Protein backbone atom coordinates (compact mmCIF):
# COMPACT_ATOMS: atom_id res chain seq x y z
CA MET A 1 -25.94 9.12 -25.55
CA LYS A 2 -22.53 9.03 -27.15
CA ASN A 3 -19.90 7.03 -25.38
CA PHE A 4 -17.92 9.68 -23.54
CA PHE A 5 -14.66 7.75 -23.62
CA SER A 6 -14.56 7.03 -27.33
CA ASP A 7 -15.58 10.63 -27.95
CA VAL A 8 -12.92 12.22 -25.74
CA LYS A 9 -10.06 10.10 -27.11
CA GLN A 10 -10.34 11.73 -30.54
CA PHE A 11 -9.28 15.05 -28.99
CA PHE A 12 -6.09 13.79 -27.32
CA GLY A 13 -3.11 15.83 -28.44
CA ILE A 14 -5.03 18.94 -29.54
CA ARG A 15 -2.83 21.77 -28.40
CA TYR A 16 -3.38 24.06 -25.43
CA ARG A 17 -4.51 27.54 -26.40
CA PHE A 18 -5.17 30.25 -23.83
CA GLY A 19 -8.86 31.15 -24.06
CA GLY A 20 -9.37 28.35 -26.60
CA GLN A 21 -12.79 26.74 -26.88
CA SER A 22 -12.53 24.80 -30.14
CA THR A 23 -10.63 21.99 -31.81
CA GLU A 24 -8.13 24.63 -32.95
CA GLY A 25 -6.95 24.63 -29.33
CA PHE A 26 -8.44 24.51 -25.84
CA ASP A 27 -7.65 25.94 -22.45
CA CYS A 28 -8.76 23.76 -19.52
CA SER A 29 -12.20 25.27 -18.97
CA GLY A 30 -12.79 25.62 -22.71
CA PHE A 31 -12.22 21.89 -23.14
CA VAL A 32 -14.52 20.98 -20.23
CA ARG A 33 -17.26 23.28 -21.57
CA PHE A 34 -16.84 21.86 -25.08
CA MET A 35 -17.13 18.24 -23.90
CA TYR A 36 -20.13 18.88 -21.62
CA ASP A 37 -21.96 20.68 -24.40
CA ARG A 38 -21.02 18.08 -27.03
CA VAL A 39 -21.69 14.91 -25.04
CA PHE A 40 -24.28 15.94 -22.44
CA SER A 41 -25.90 19.03 -24.03
CA THR A 42 -25.08 20.87 -20.80
CA LYS A 43 -23.90 24.48 -20.74
CA LEU A 44 -21.24 25.29 -18.16
CA PRO A 45 -19.79 28.63 -17.03
CA ARG A 46 -16.63 29.85 -18.78
CA THR A 47 -13.98 29.72 -16.04
CA SER A 48 -12.77 27.03 -13.67
CA ILE A 49 -13.58 29.27 -10.68
CA GLU A 50 -17.18 29.69 -11.90
CA MET A 51 -17.47 25.94 -12.58
CA ALA A 52 -16.34 25.18 -9.03
CA SER A 53 -19.27 27.19 -7.68
CA ILE A 54 -22.00 25.13 -9.38
CA GLY A 55 -23.29 21.62 -8.83
CA GLN A 56 -22.90 19.49 -5.75
CA LYS A 57 -19.59 19.36 -3.88
CA VAL A 58 -18.09 15.88 -3.95
CA GLU A 59 -15.44 14.36 -1.70
CA ARG A 60 -12.41 13.01 -3.51
CA SER A 61 -13.20 9.51 -2.23
CA GLU A 62 -16.71 9.73 -3.78
CA LEU A 63 -15.74 10.84 -7.30
CA LYS A 64 -17.71 9.38 -10.20
CA PRO A 65 -17.02 9.61 -13.93
CA GLY A 66 -18.16 13.00 -15.20
CA ASP A 67 -17.38 14.91 -12.01
CA LEU A 68 -15.34 18.07 -12.43
CA VAL A 69 -12.02 18.13 -10.57
CA PHE A 70 -10.28 21.38 -9.65
CA PHE A 71 -6.70 22.33 -8.91
CA GLN A 72 -4.78 25.30 -7.53
CA THR A 73 -1.96 25.55 -10.04
CA ARG A 74 -1.34 29.27 -9.50
CA GLY A 75 -1.33 30.31 -5.87
CA ASN A 76 -4.28 29.69 -3.57
CA ARG A 77 -7.11 29.95 -6.04
CA ILE A 78 -8.69 27.44 -8.39
CA SER A 79 -7.01 27.81 -11.75
CA HIS A 80 -7.40 24.43 -13.48
CA VAL A 81 -10.26 22.01 -14.18
CA GLY A 82 -10.57 18.53 -15.65
CA ILE A 83 -13.18 15.79 -16.01
CA PHE A 84 -12.84 12.71 -13.81
CA VAL A 85 -13.16 9.51 -15.85
CA GLY A 86 -12.70 6.87 -13.16
CA ASN A 87 -9.81 4.81 -11.86
CA ASP A 88 -7.98 7.85 -10.43
CA THR A 89 -7.84 9.37 -13.95
CA PHE A 90 -9.03 12.69 -15.36
CA VAL A 91 -8.91 14.32 -18.80
CA HIS A 92 -7.95 17.95 -19.26
CA SER A 93 -6.12 20.49 -21.39
CA SER A 94 -2.55 20.87 -20.22
CA VAL A 95 -0.24 23.71 -21.30
CA SER A 96 2.58 21.30 -22.09
CA LYS A 97 0.64 18.31 -23.48
CA GLY A 98 -2.65 19.69 -24.80
CA ILE A 99 -5.66 17.40 -24.34
CA THR A 100 -4.45 14.51 -22.25
CA GLU A 101 -5.20 12.32 -19.28
CA ASP A 102 -3.43 12.16 -15.96
CA ARG A 103 -3.85 10.55 -12.56
CA LEU A 104 -5.04 12.41 -9.48
CA GLN A 105 -2.38 10.63 -7.43
CA GLN A 106 0.48 12.07 -9.49
CA LYS A 107 2.40 14.27 -7.08
CA TYR A 108 1.80 17.47 -9.09
CA TYR A 109 -1.99 17.05 -9.11
CA ASP A 110 -2.28 15.39 -5.71
CA THR A 111 -0.68 18.34 -3.93
CA ARG A 112 -2.75 20.88 -5.89
CA PHE A 113 -6.16 19.18 -5.72
CA ALA A 114 -8.72 21.80 -4.65
CA GLY A 115 -12.03 19.92 -4.76
CA ALA A 116 -14.68 18.49 -7.06
CA VAL A 117 -18.30 19.03 -8.05
CA ARG A 118 -20.95 16.85 -9.62
CA VAL A 119 -22.88 18.70 -12.29
CA LEU A 120 -24.52 15.65 -13.83
CA ASP A 121 -26.78 13.42 -11.80
CA ASN A 122 -25.92 9.79 -12.59
CA ILE A 123 -25.77 10.36 -16.34
CA ILE A 124 -22.44 8.63 -16.85
CA PRO A 125 -22.25 4.94 -15.92
CA ASP A 126 -19.04 3.51 -14.51
CA PHE A 127 -16.74 2.73 -17.40
CA PRO A 128 -13.72 0.51 -17.66
CA SER A 129 -10.76 2.81 -17.26
CA LEU A 130 -8.97 4.24 -20.25
CA PRO A 131 -5.43 3.02 -20.66
CA LEU A 132 -3.22 5.99 -19.95
CA GLN A 133 -1.41 7.39 -22.96
CA SER A 134 1.72 6.54 -21.07
CA ASP A 135 2.01 5.00 -17.69
CA ARG A 136 4.96 7.11 -16.69
CA ASN A 137 4.59 9.25 -13.59
CA THR A 138 5.47 12.53 -15.23
CA GLU A 139 4.60 15.84 -13.73
CA ASP A 140 2.90 18.54 -15.72
CA LYS A 141 4.40 21.68 -14.30
CA GLU A 142 2.20 23.89 -16.48
CA ALA A 143 -1.26 22.48 -15.96
CA SER A 144 -3.16 25.55 -17.04
């Protein structure tokens, strides 16, 4: 299996594109689908809402690398998804930053966290955490 972390890093900075599912640009669920297909040969549903309905629900305190994390960035429904990579960090496609990584404890994401699911069953080992692109505590006001 390819090393997920070295694989995902090559996509950092690819721009956000509504409905995007390729290296020309990704929306949040398009990026998650792309990575799961590429790295794990696993097909996922198209939208974050559909993704939230599959797999096994996981408590935030029990997250493992590879789990999908969901956020309510528009009202009271799930509207954003990312992939948890360990050490309070997840990777996702952000409107303002494109493919990036952020921390769950950042105020923006912490207050909008809507749950998590485990789609893979112990496929990803625990990894050393990725160094954040920047360690600043910026808020992404346009997550999806």
